[in-house]
Amino acid sequence: MKIELLSFDGCPNTAIIERRLVMAAHRLGLGDLVVDRIEVTGAEAAERLAFIGSPSLRIDGRDPFSTGDEPVGFACRVYSGPDGLSGSPTVDQLVEALAP
């Protein structure tokens, strides 16, 4: 499984999603998860990477949280969860996304 975490420097939600990824991997018994971190440096990079906001997660090239209609851009990302909107998916959402 190839996991990529795309974000821009200074995004406050990057550390949150990183911690939650570790917790989700632990729940699934995946051991140490290898995550390729990709820093998006500006609008041009966002366009080239089809970046839909920071932080974004891709598993085997697919964003499990994308609805398909998000605009590409150098911006923060918001996720919908059981408690409303948040800057990162919940641990449960990540478990579901990572589960085989």
PDB file of N, CA and C in Angstrom:
ATOM      1  N   MET A   1       0.855  -1.168   0.000  1.00  0.00           N
ATOM      2  CA  MET A   1       0.000   0.000   0.000  1.00  0.00           C
ATOM      3  C   MET A   1       0.904   1.235   0.000  1.00  0.00           C
ATOM      4  N   LYS A   2       0.670   2.130  -0.947  1.00  0.00           N
ATOM      5  CA  LYS A   2       1.434   3.378  -1.024  1.00  0.00           C
ATOM      6  C   LYS A   2       0.589   4.503  -0.438  1.00  0.00           C
ATOM      7  N   ILE A   3       1.145   5.170   0.572  1.00  0.00           N
ATOM      8  CA  ILE A   3       0.423   6.247   1.242  1.00  0.00           C
ATOM      9  C   ILE A   3       1.199   7.540   1.063  1.00  0.00           C
ATOM     10  N   GLU A   4       0.502   8.558   0.569  1.00  0.00           N
ATOM     11  CA  GLU A   4       1.095   9.879   0.389  1.00  0.00           C
ATOM     12  C   GLU A   4       0.301  10.886   1.204  1.00  0.00           C
ATOM     13  N   LEU A   5       1.028  11.766   1.869  1.00  0.00           N
ATOM     14  CA  LEU A   5       0.412  12.850   2.624  1.00  0.00           C
ATOM     15  C   LEU A   5       0.879  14.156   2.003  1.00  0.00           C
ATOM     16  N   LEU A   6      -0.047  14.874   1.407  1.00  0.00           N
ATOM     17  CA  LEU A   6       0.262  16.138   0.751  1.00  0.00           C
ATOM     18  C   LEU A   6      -0.171  17.278   1.652  1.00  0.00           C
ATOM     19  N   SER A   7       0.728  18.236   1.847  1.00  0.00           N
ATOM     20  CA  SER A   7       0.393  19.386   2.678  1.00  0.00           C
ATOM     21  C   SER A   7       1.345  20.522   2.357  1.00  0.00           C
ATOM     22  N   PHE A   8       1.010  21.696   2.881  1.00  0.00           N
ATOM     23  CA  PHE A   8       1.935  22.814   2.723  1.00  0.00           C
ATOM     24  C   PHE A   8       2.553  23.158   4.066  1.00  0.00           C
ATOM     25  N   ASP A   9       3.705  23.786   4.009  1.00  0.00           N
ATOM     26  CA  ASP A   9       4.440  24.158   5.210  1.00  0.00           C
ATOM     27  C   ASP A   9       3.582  25.059   6.090  1.00  0.00           C
ATOM     28  N   GLY A  10       3.522  24.725   7.356  1.00  0.00           N
ATOM     29  CA  GLY A  10       2.767  25.536   8.302  1.00  0.00           C
ATOM     30  C   GLY A  10       1.319  25.123   8.483  1.00  0.00           C
ATOM     31  N   CYS A  11       0.871  24.098   7.774  1.00  0.00           N
ATOM     32  CA  CYS A  11      -0.515  23.639   7.937  1.00  0.00           C
ATOM     33  C   CYS A  11      -0.664  23.025   9.331  1.00  0.00           C
ATOM     34  N   PRO A  12      -1.541  23.578  10.160  1.00  0.00           N
ATOM     35  CA  PRO A  12      -1.674  23.078  11.531  1.00  0.00           C
ATOM     36  C   PRO A  12      -2.301  21.687  11.616  1.00  0.00           C
ATOM     37  N   ASN A  13      -2.956  21.241  10.556  1.00  0.00           N
ATOM     38  CA  ASN A  13      -3.638  19.951  10.605  1.00  0.00           C
ATOM     39  C   ASN A  13      -2.773  18.781  10.142  1.00  0.00           C
ATOM     40  N   THR A  14      -1.590  19.084   9.623  1.00  0.00           N
ATOM     41  CA  THR A  14      -0.707  18.008   9.177  1.00  0.00           C
ATOM     42  C   THR A  14      -0.282  17.125  10.348  1.00  0.00           C
ATOM     43  N   ALA A  15       0.117  17.727  11.444  1.00  0.00           N
ATOM     44  CA  ALA A  15       0.530  16.939  12.619  1.00  0.00           C
ATOM     45  C   ALA A  15      -0.630  16.111  13.161  1.00  0.00           C
ATOM     46  N   ILE A  16      -1.832  16.643  13.077  1.00  0.00           N
ATOM     47  CA  ILE A  16      -3.013  15.916  13.567  1.00  0.00           C
ATOM     48  C   ILE A  16      -3.258  14.672  12.726  1.00  0.00           C
ATOM     49  N   ILE A  17      -3.253  14.820  11.399  1.00  0.00           N
ATOM     50  CA  ILE A  17      -3.508  13.659  10.548  1.00  0.00           C
ATOM     51  C   ILE A  17      -2.378  12.639  10.683  1.00  0.00           C
ATOM     52  N   GLU A  18      -1.144  13.099  10.888  1.00  0.00           N
ATOM     53  CA  GLU A  18      -0.035  12.161  11.089  1.00  0.00           C
ATOM     54  C   GLU A  18      -0.257  11.322  12.346  1.00  0.00           C
ATOM     55  N   ARG A  19      -0.645  11.952  13.444  1.00  0.00           N
ATOM     56  CA  ARG A  19      -0.917  11.204  14.688  1.00  0.00           C
ATOM     57  C   ARG A  19      -2.082  10.237  14.498  1.00  0.00           C
ATOM     58  N   ARG A  20      -3.108  10.698  13.831  1.00  0.00           N
ATOM     59  CA  ARG A  20      -4.279   9.840  13.619  1.00  0.00           C
ATOM     60  C   ARG A  20      -3.961   8.673  12.694  1.00  0.00           C
ATOM     61  N   LEU A  21      -3.086   8.877  11.715  1.00  0.00           N
ATOM     62  CA  LEU A  21      -2.667   7.775  10.850  1.00  0.00           C
ATOM     63  C   LEU A  21      -1.954   6.691  11.653  1.00  0.00           C
ATOM     64  N   VAL A  22      -1.102   7.097  12.581  1.00  0.00           N
ATOM     65  CA  VAL A  22      -0.399   6.136  13.439  1.00  0.00           C
ATOM     66  C   VAL A  22      -1.413   5.349  14.270  1.00  0.00           C
ATOM     67  N   MET A  23      -2.392   6.035  14.837  1.00  0.00           N
ATOM     68  CA  MET A  23      -3.420   5.360  15.644  1.00  0.00           C
ATOM     69  C   MET A  23      -4.242   4.399  14.791  1.00  0.00           C
ATOM     70  N   ALA A  24      -4.597   4.817  13.576  1.00  0.00           N
ATOM     71  CA  ALA A  24      -5.385   3.965  12.689  1.00  0.00           C
ATOM     72  C   ALA A  24      -4.586   2.724  12.293  1.00  0.00           C
ATOM     73  N   ALA A  25      -3.320   2.908  11.966  1.00  0.00           N
ATOM     74  CA  ALA A  25      -2.468   1.773  11.598  1.00  0.00           C
ATOM     75  C   ALA A  25      -2.340   0.797  12.761  1.00  0.00           C
ATOM     76  N   HIS A  26      -2.201   1.334  13.972  1.00  0.00           N
ATOM     77  CA  HIS A  26      -2.104   0.491  15.166  1.00  0.00           C
ATOM     78  C   HIS A  26      -3.380  -0.337  15.339  1.00  0.00           C
ATOM     79  N   ARG A  27      -4.526   0.289  15.166  1.00  0.00           N
ATOM     80  CA  ARG A  27      -5.807  -0.440  15.297  1.00  0.00           C
ATOM     81  C   ARG A  27      -5.912  -1.581  14.301  1.00  0.00           C
ATOM     82  N   LEU A  28      -5.358  -1.365  13.105  1.00  0.00           N
ATOM     83  CA  LEU A  28      -5.446  -2.373  12.056  1.00  0.00           C
ATOM     84  C   LEU A  28      -4.301  -3.381  12.104  1.00  0.00           C
ATOM     85  N   GLY A  29      -3.367  -3.176  13.037  1.00  0.00           N
ATOM     86  CA  GLY A  29      -2.223  -4.072  13.130  1.00  0.00           C
ATOM     87  C   GLY A  29      -1.259  -3.937  11.964  1.00  0.00           C
ATOM     88  N   LEU A  30      -1.170  -2.756  11.395  1.00  0.00           N
ATOM     89  CA  LEU A  30      -0.313  -2.537  10.233  1.00  0.00           C
ATOM     90  C   LEU A  30       1.138  -2.249  10.593  1.00  0.00           C
ATOM     91  N   GLY A  31       1.441  -2.121  11.866  1.00  0.00           N
ATOM     92  CA  GLY A  31       2.816  -1.823  12.270  1.00  0.00           C
ATOM     93  C   GLY A  31       3.190  -0.406  11.888  1.00  0.00           C
ATOM     94  N   ASP A  32       4.461  -0.242  11.558  1.00  0.00           N
ATOM     95  CA  ASP A  32       4.935   1.088  11.172  1.00  0.00           C
ATOM     96  C   ASP A  32       4.502   1.393   9.746  1.00  0.00           C
ATOM     97  N   LEU A  33       3.678   2.376   9.619  1.00  0.00           N
ATOM     98  CA  LEU A  33       3.170   2.802   8.325  1.00  0.00           C
ATOM     99  C   LEU A  33       4.207   3.688   7.653  1.00  0.00           C
ATOM    100  N   VAL A  34       4.504   3.422   6.397  1.00  0.00           N
ATOM    101  CA  VAL A  34       5.415   4.277   5.634  1.00  0.00           C
ATOM    102  C   VAL A  34       4.562   5.287   4.879  1.00  0.00           C
ATOM    103  N   VAL A  35       4.795   6.554   5.183  1.00  0.00           N
ATOM    104  CA  VAL A  35       4.026   7.630   4.564  1.00  0.00           C
ATOM    105  C   VAL A  35       4.989   8.538   3.816  1.00  0.00           C
ATOM    106  N   ASP A  36       4.767   8.681   2.514  1.00  0.00           N
ATOM    107  CA  ASP A  36       5.551   9.627   1.717  1.00  0.00           C
ATOM    108  C   ASP A  36       4.939  11.002   1.902  1.00  0.00           C
ATOM    109  N   ARG A  37       5.735  11.930   2.386  1.00  0.00           N
ATOM    110  CA  ARG A  37       5.247  13.292   2.603  1.00  0.00           C
ATOM    111  C   ARG A  37       5.615  14.149   1.404  1.00  0.00           C
ATOM    112  N   ILE A  38       4.624  14.816   0.862  1.00  0.00           N
ATOM    113  CA  ILE A  38       4.823  15.671  -0.302  1.00  0.00           C
ATOM    114  C   ILE A  38       4.457  17.088   0.093  1.00  0.00           C
ATOM    115  N   GLU A  39       5.450  17.976   0.040  1.00  0.00           N
ATOM    116  CA  GLU A  39       5.187  19.377   0.381  1.00  0.00           C
ATOM    117  C   GLU A  39       4.736  20.120  -0.872  1.00  0.00           C
ATOM    118  N   VAL A  40       3.587  20.728  -0.781  1.00  0.00           N
ATOM    119  CA  VAL A  40       3.037  21.532  -1.873  1.00  0.00           C
ATOM    120  C   VAL A  40       3.486  22.963  -1.616  1.00  0.00           C
ATOM    121  N   THR A  41       4.232  23.524  -2.563  1.00  0.00           N
ATOM    122  CA  THR A  41       4.913  24.794  -2.316  1.00  0.00           C
ATOM    123  C   THR A  41       4.203  26.027  -2.859  1.00  0.00           C
ATOM    124  N   GLY A  42       3.132  25.846  -3.589  1.00  0.00           N
ATOM    125  CA  GLY A  42       2.418  27.009  -4.112  1.00  0.00           C
ATOM    126  C   GLY A  42       1.351  26.598  -5.104  1.00  0.00           C
ATOM    127  N   ALA A  43       0.733  27.587  -5.725  1.00  0.00           N
ATOM    128  CA  ALA A  43      -0.394  27.344  -6.630  1.00  0.00           C
ATOM    129  C   ALA A  43       0.001  26.479  -7.823  1.00  0.00           C
ATOM    130  N   GLU A  44       1.191  26.703  -8.364  1.00  0.00           N
ATOM    131  CA  GLU A  44       1.635  25.915  -9.518  1.00  0.00           C
ATOM    132  C   GLU A  44       1.788  24.442  -9.137  1.00  0.00           C
ATOM    133  N   ALA A  45       2.396  24.190  -7.995  1.00  0.00           N
ATOM    134  CA  ALA A  45       2.552  22.810  -7.515  1.00  0.00           C
ATOM    135  C   ALA A  45       1.187  22.193  -7.217  1.00  0.00           C
ATOM    136  N   ALA A  46       0.284  22.978  -6.647  1.00  0.00           N
ATOM    137  CA  ALA A  46      -1.066  22.482  -6.351  1.00  0.00           C
ATOM    138  C   ALA A  46      -1.758  22.026  -7.633  1.00  0.00           C
ATOM    139  N   GLU A  47      -1.625  22.810  -8.674  1.00  0.00           N
ATOM    140  CA  GLU A  47      -2.238  22.470  -9.963  1.00  0.00           C
ATOM    141  C   GLU A  47      -1.612  21.195 -10.529  1.00  0.00           C
ATOM    142  N   ARG A  48      -0.295  21.130 -10.514  1.00  0.00           N
ATOM    143  CA  ARG A  48       0.427  19.978 -11.056  1.00  0.00           C
ATOM    144  C   ARG A  48       0.081  18.687 -10.312  1.00  0.00           C
ATOM    145  N   LEU A  49      -0.109  18.790  -8.996  1.00  0.00           N
ATOM    146  CA  LEU A  49      -0.389  17.617  -8.164  1.00  0.00           C
ATOM    147  C   LEU A  49      -1.882  17.332  -7.998  1.00  0.00           C
ATOM    148  N   ALA A  50      -2.732  18.156  -8.629  1.00  0.00           N
ATOM    149  CA  ALA A  50      -4.188  18.047  -8.446  1.00  0.00           C
ATOM    150  C   ALA A  50      -4.527  18.071  -6.953  1.00  0.00           C
ATOM    151  N   PHE A  51      -3.922  19.009  -6.259  1.00  0.00           N
ATOM    152  CA  PHE A  51      -4.016  19.160  -4.802  1.00  0.00           C
ATOM    153  C   PHE A  51      -5.330  19.846  -4.435  1.00  0.00           C
ATOM    154  N   ILE A  52      -6.108  19.202  -3.568  1.00  0.00           N
ATOM    155  CA  ILE A  52      -7.416  19.767  -3.204  1.00  0.00           C
ATOM    156  C   ILE A  52      -7.451  20.284  -1.774  1.00  0.00           C
ATOM    157  N   GLY A  53      -6.284  20.557  -1.229  1.00  0.00           N
ATOM    158  CA  GLY A  53      -6.235  21.176   0.092  1.00  0.00           C
ATOM    159  C   GLY A  53      -5.347  20.430   1.058  1.00  0.00           C
ATOM    160  N   SER A  54      -4.889  21.177   2.047  1.00  0.00           N
ATOM    161  CA  SER A  54      -3.954  20.639   3.036  1.00  0.00           C
ATOM    162  C   SER A  54      -4.641  20.367   4.360  1.00  0.00           C
ATOM    163  N   PRO A  55      -4.414  19.176   4.891  1.00  0.00           N
ATOM    164  CA  PRO A  55      -3.663  18.049   4.362  1.00  0.00           C
ATOM    165  C   PRO A  55      -4.554  17.134   3.515  1.00  0.00           C
ATOM    166  N   SER A  56      -3.946  16.473   2.543  1.00  0.00           N
ATOM    167  CA  SER A  56      -4.658  15.490   1.725  1.00  0.00           C
ATOM    168  C   SER A  56      -3.923  14.163   1.796  1.00  0.00           C
ATOM    169  N   LEU A  57      -4.666  13.104   1.759  1.00  0.00           N
ATOM    170  CA  LEU A  57      -4.127  11.753   1.854  1.00  0.00           C
ATOM    171  C   LEU A  57      -4.463  11.002   0.576  1.00  0.00           C
ATOM    172  N   ARG A  58      -3.482  10.295   0.050  1.00  0.00           N
ATOM    173  CA  ARG A  58      -3.728   9.422  -1.099  1.00  0.00           C
ATOM    174  C   ARG A  58      -3.238   8.027  -0.744  1.00  0.00           C
ATOM    175  N   ILE A  59      -4.079   7.064  -1.004  1.00  0.00           N
ATOM    176  CA  ILE A  59      -3.744   5.665  -0.773  1.00  0.00           C
ATOM    177  C   ILE A  59      -3.766   4.977  -2.125  1.00  0.00           C
ATOM    178  N   ASP A  60      -2.609   4.482  -2.541  1.00  0.00           N
ATOM    179  CA  ASP A  60      -2.458   3.888  -3.867  1.00  0.00           C
ATOM    180  C   ASP A  60      -2.974   4.833  -4.950  1.00  0.00           C
ATOM    181  N   GLY A  61      -2.638   6.117  -4.797  1.00  0.00           N
ATOM    182  CA  GLY A  61      -2.976   7.122  -5.797  1.00  0.00           C
ATOM    183  C   GLY A  61      -4.380   7.680  -5.725  1.00  0.00           C
ATOM    184  N   ARG A  62      -5.190   7.198  -4.794  1.00  0.00           N
ATOM    185  CA  ARG A  62      -6.586   7.634  -4.703  1.00  0.00           C
ATOM    186  C   ARG A  62      -6.838   8.323  -3.371  1.00  0.00           C
ATOM    187  N   ASP A  63      -7.552   9.422  -3.423  1.00  0.00           N
ATOM    188  CA  ASP A  63      -7.930  10.143  -2.204  1.00  0.00           C
ATOM    189  C   ASP A  63      -9.242   9.548  -1.694  1.00  0.00           C
ATOM    190  N   PRO A  64      -9.202   8.820  -0.573  1.00  0.00           N
ATOM    191  CA  PRO A  64     -10.416   8.147  -0.098  1.00  0.00           C
ATOM    192  C   PRO A  64     -11.488   9.102   0.423  1.00  0.00           C
ATOM    193  N   PHE A  65     -11.152  10.364   0.579  1.00  0.00           N
ATOM    194  CA  PHE A  65     -12.105  11.325   1.127  1.00  0.00           C
ATOM    195  C   PHE A  65     -12.601  12.322   0.087  1.00  0.00           C
ATOM    196  N   SER A  66     -12.161  12.165  -1.136  1.00  0.00           N
ATOM    197  CA  SER A  66     -12.564  13.088  -2.194  1.00  0.00           C
ATOM    198  C   SER A  66     -13.972  12.765  -2.682  1.00  0.00           C
ATOM    199  N   THR A  67     -14.739  13.809  -2.893  1.00  0.00           N
ATOM    200  CA  THR A  67     -16.069  13.641  -3.484  1.00  0.00           C
ATOM    201  C   THR A  67     -16.003  13.747  -5.001  1.00  0.00           C
ATOM    202  N   GLY A  68     -14.853  14.189  -5.501  1.00  0.00           N
ATOM    203  CA  GLY A  68     -14.678  14.321  -6.937  1.00  0.00           C
ATOM    204  C   GLY A  68     -14.993  15.700  -7.476  1.00  0.00           C
ATOM    205  N   ASP A  69     -15.565  16.552  -6.640  1.00  0.00           N
ATOM    206  CA  ASP A  69     -15.918  17.885  -7.138  1.00  0.00           C
ATOM    207  C   ASP A  69     -15.211  19.017  -6.392  1.00  0.00           C
ATOM    208  N   GLU A  70     -14.185  18.678  -5.610  1.00  0.00           N
ATOM    209  CA  GLU A  70     -13.441  19.713  -4.898  1.00  0.00           C
ATOM    210  C   GLU A  70     -12.552  20.469  -5.885  1.00  0.00           C
ATOM    211  N   PRO A  71     -12.435  21.771  -5.697  1.00  0.00           N
ATOM    212  CA  PRO A  71     -11.550  22.536  -6.582  1.00  0.00           C
ATOM    213  C   PRO A  71     -10.082  22.289  -6.236  1.00  0.00           C
ATOM    214  N   VAL A  72      -9.249  22.295  -7.249  1.00  0.00           N
ATOM    215  CA  VAL A  72      -7.811  22.206  -7.055  1.00  0.00           C
ATOM    216  C   VAL A  72      -7.322  23.570  -6.613  1.00  0.00           C
ATOM    217  N   GLY A  73      -6.443  23.596  -5.620  1.00  0.00           N
ATOM    218  CA  GLY A  73      -5.913  24.881  -5.192  1.00  0.00           C
ATOM    219  C   GLY A  73      -5.032  24.777  -3.969  1.00  0.00           C
ATOM    220  N   PHE A  74      -4.292  25.830  -3.749  1.00  0.00           N
ATOM    221  CA  PHE A  74      -3.376  25.941  -2.616  1.00  0.00           C
ATOM    222  C   PHE A  74      -4.171  26.508  -1.450  1.00  0.00           C
ATOM    223  N   ALA A  75      -4.801  25.618  -0.680  1.00  0.00           N
ATOM    224  CA  ALA A  75      -5.728  26.046   0.372  1.00  0.00           C
ATOM    225  C   ALA A  75      -5.774  25.005   1.479  1.00  0.00           C
ATOM    226  N   CYS A  76      -6.420  25.367   2.573  1.00  0.00           N
ATOM    227  CA  CYS A  76      -6.683  24.412   3.647  1.00  0.00           C
ATOM    228  C   CYS A  76      -7.824  23.497   3.225  1.00  0.00           C
ATOM    229  N   ARG A  77      -7.861  22.322   3.799  1.00  0.00           N
ATOM    230  CA  ARG A  77      -8.916  21.366   3.486  1.00  0.00           C
ATOM    231  C   ARG A  77      -9.767  21.118   4.718  1.00  0.00           C
ATOM    232  N   VAL A  78     -11.041  20.884   4.484  1.00  0.00           N
ATOM    233  CA  VAL A  78     -11.981  20.597   5.561  1.00  0.00           C
ATOM    234  C   VAL A  78     -12.608  19.231   5.289  1.00  0.00           C
ATOM    235  N   TYR A  79     -12.713  18.435   6.341  1.00  0.00           N
ATOM    236  CA  TYR A  79     -13.302  17.101   6.258  1.00  0.00           C
ATOM    237  C   TYR A  79     -14.603  17.070   7.040  1.00  0.00           C
ATOM    238  N   SER A  80     -15.561  16.328   6.529  1.00  0.00           N
ATOM    239  CA  SER A  80     -16.834  16.147   7.214  1.00  0.00           C
ATOM    240  C   SER A  80     -16.756  14.875   8.048  1.00  0.00           C
ATOM    241  N   GLY A  81     -17.085  15.010   9.327  1.00  0.00           N
ATOM    242  CA  GLY A  81     -17.033  13.863  10.221  1.00  0.00           C
ATOM    243  C   GLY A  81     -18.270  13.790  11.084  1.00  0.00           C
ATOM    244  N   PRO A  82     -18.325  12.849  11.994  1.00  0.00           N
ATOM    245  CA  PRO A  82     -19.510  12.666  12.829  1.00  0.00           C
ATOM    246  C   PRO A  82     -19.801  13.855  13.742  1.00  0.00           C
ATOM    247  N   ASP A  83     -18.785  14.640  14.052  1.00  0.00           N
ATOM    248  CA  ASP A  83     -18.976  15.806  14.923  1.00  0.00           C
ATOM    249  C   ASP A  83     -18.969  17.120  14.149  1.00  0.00           C
ATOM    250  N   GLY A  84     -19.117  17.046  12.839  1.00  0.00           N
ATOM    251  CA  GLY A  84     -19.112  18.256  12.016  1.00  0.00           C
ATOM    252  C   GLY A  84     -17.841  18.347  11.190  1.00  0.00           C
ATOM    253  N   LEU A  85     -17.439  19.568  10.878  1.00  0.00           N
ATOM    254  CA  LEU A  85     -16.278  19.791  10.033  1.00  0.00           C
ATOM    255  C   LEU A  85     -14.999  19.837  10.860  1.00  0.00           C
ATOM    256  N   SER A  86     -13.916  19.347  10.245  1.00  0.00           N
ATOM    257  CA  SER A  86     -12.624  19.290  10.924  1.00  0.00           C
ATOM    258  C   SER A  86     -11.517  19.416   9.884  1.00  0.00           C
ATOM    259  N   GLY A  87     -10.322  19.732  10.332  1.00  0.00           N
ATOM    260  CA  GLY A  87      -9.181  19.858   9.435  1.00  0.00           C
ATOM    261  C   GLY A  87      -8.496  18.543   9.121  1.00  0.00           C
ATOM    262  N   SER A  88      -9.013  17.436   9.666  1.00  0.00           N
ATOM    263  CA  SER A  88      -8.427  16.118   9.442  1.00  0.00           C
ATOM    264  C   SER A  88      -9.520  15.064   9.586  1.00  0.00           C
ATOM    265  N   PRO A  89      -9.400  13.951   8.851  1.00  0.00           N
ATOM    266  CA  PRO A  89     -10.331  12.848   9.082  1.00  0.00           C
ATOM    267  C   PRO A  89     -10.160  12.306  10.502  1.00  0.00           C
ATOM    268  N   THR A  90     -11.198  11.694  11.025  1.00  0.00           N
ATOM    269  CA  THR A  90     -11.118  11.063  12.342  1.00  0.00           C
ATOM    270  C   THR A  90     -10.304   9.771  12.242  1.00  0.00           C
ATOM    271  N   VAL A  91      -9.913   9.240  13.383  1.00  0.00           N
ATOM    272  CA  VAL A  91      -9.198   7.962  13.400  1.00  0.00           C
ATOM    273  C   VAL A  91     -10.083   6.879  12.782  1.00  0.00           C
ATOM    274  N   ASP A  92     -11.358   6.858  13.124  1.00  0.00           N
ATOM    275  CA  ASP A  92     -12.271   5.855  12.561  1.00  0.00           C
ATOM    276  C   ASP A  92     -12.355   5.968  11.040  1.00  0.00           C
ATOM    277  N   GLN A  93     -12.401   7.194  10.522  1.00  0.00           N
ATOM    278  CA  GLN A  93     -12.443   7.382   9.070  1.00  0.00           C
ATOM    279  C   GLN A  93     -11.152   6.882   8.423  1.00  0.00           C
ATOM    280  N   LEU A  94     -10.029   7.113   9.080  1.00  0.00           N
ATOM    281  CA  LEU A  94      -8.752   6.637   8.553  1.00  0.00           C
ATOM    282  C   LEU A  94      -8.658   5.119   8.615  1.00  0.00           C
ATOM    283  N   VAL A  95      -9.173   4.519   9.681  1.00  0.00           N
ATOM    284  CA  VAL A  95      -9.210   3.055   9.770  1.00  0.00           C
ATOM    285  C   VAL A  95      -9.988   2.496   8.584  1.00  0.00           C
ATOM    286  N   GLU A  96     -11.128   3.069   8.306  1.00  0.00           N
ATOM    287  CA  GLU A  96     -11.946   2.610   7.179  1.00  0.00           C
ATOM    288  C   GLU A  96     -11.199   2.775   5.856  1.00  0.00           C
ATOM    289  N   ALA A  97     -10.501   3.890   5.692  1.00  0.00           N
ATOM    290  CA  ALA A  97      -9.769   4.150   4.450  1.00  0.00           C
ATOM    291  C   ALA A  97      -8.581   3.205   4.271  1.00  0.00           C
ATOM    292  N   LEU A  98      -7.936   2.826   5.364  1.00  0.00           N
ATOM    293  CA  LEU A  98      -6.745   1.977   5.304  1.00  0.00           C
ATOM    294  C   LEU A  98      -7.058   0.487   5.317  1.00  0.00           C
ATOM    295  N   ALA A  99      -8.253   0.124   5.720  1.00  0.00           N
ATOM    296  CA  ALA A  99      -8.610  -1.295   5.848  1.00  0.00           C
ATOM    297  C   ALA A  99      -8.548  -1.985   4.486  1.00  0.00           C
ATOM    298  N   PRO A 100      -8.033  -3.218   4.492  1.00  0.00           N
ATOM    299  CA  PRO A 100      -7.938  -3.969   3.220  1.00  0.00           C
ATOM    300  C   PRO A 100      -9.287  -4.305   2.634  1.00  0.00           C
TER     301      PRO A 100
END
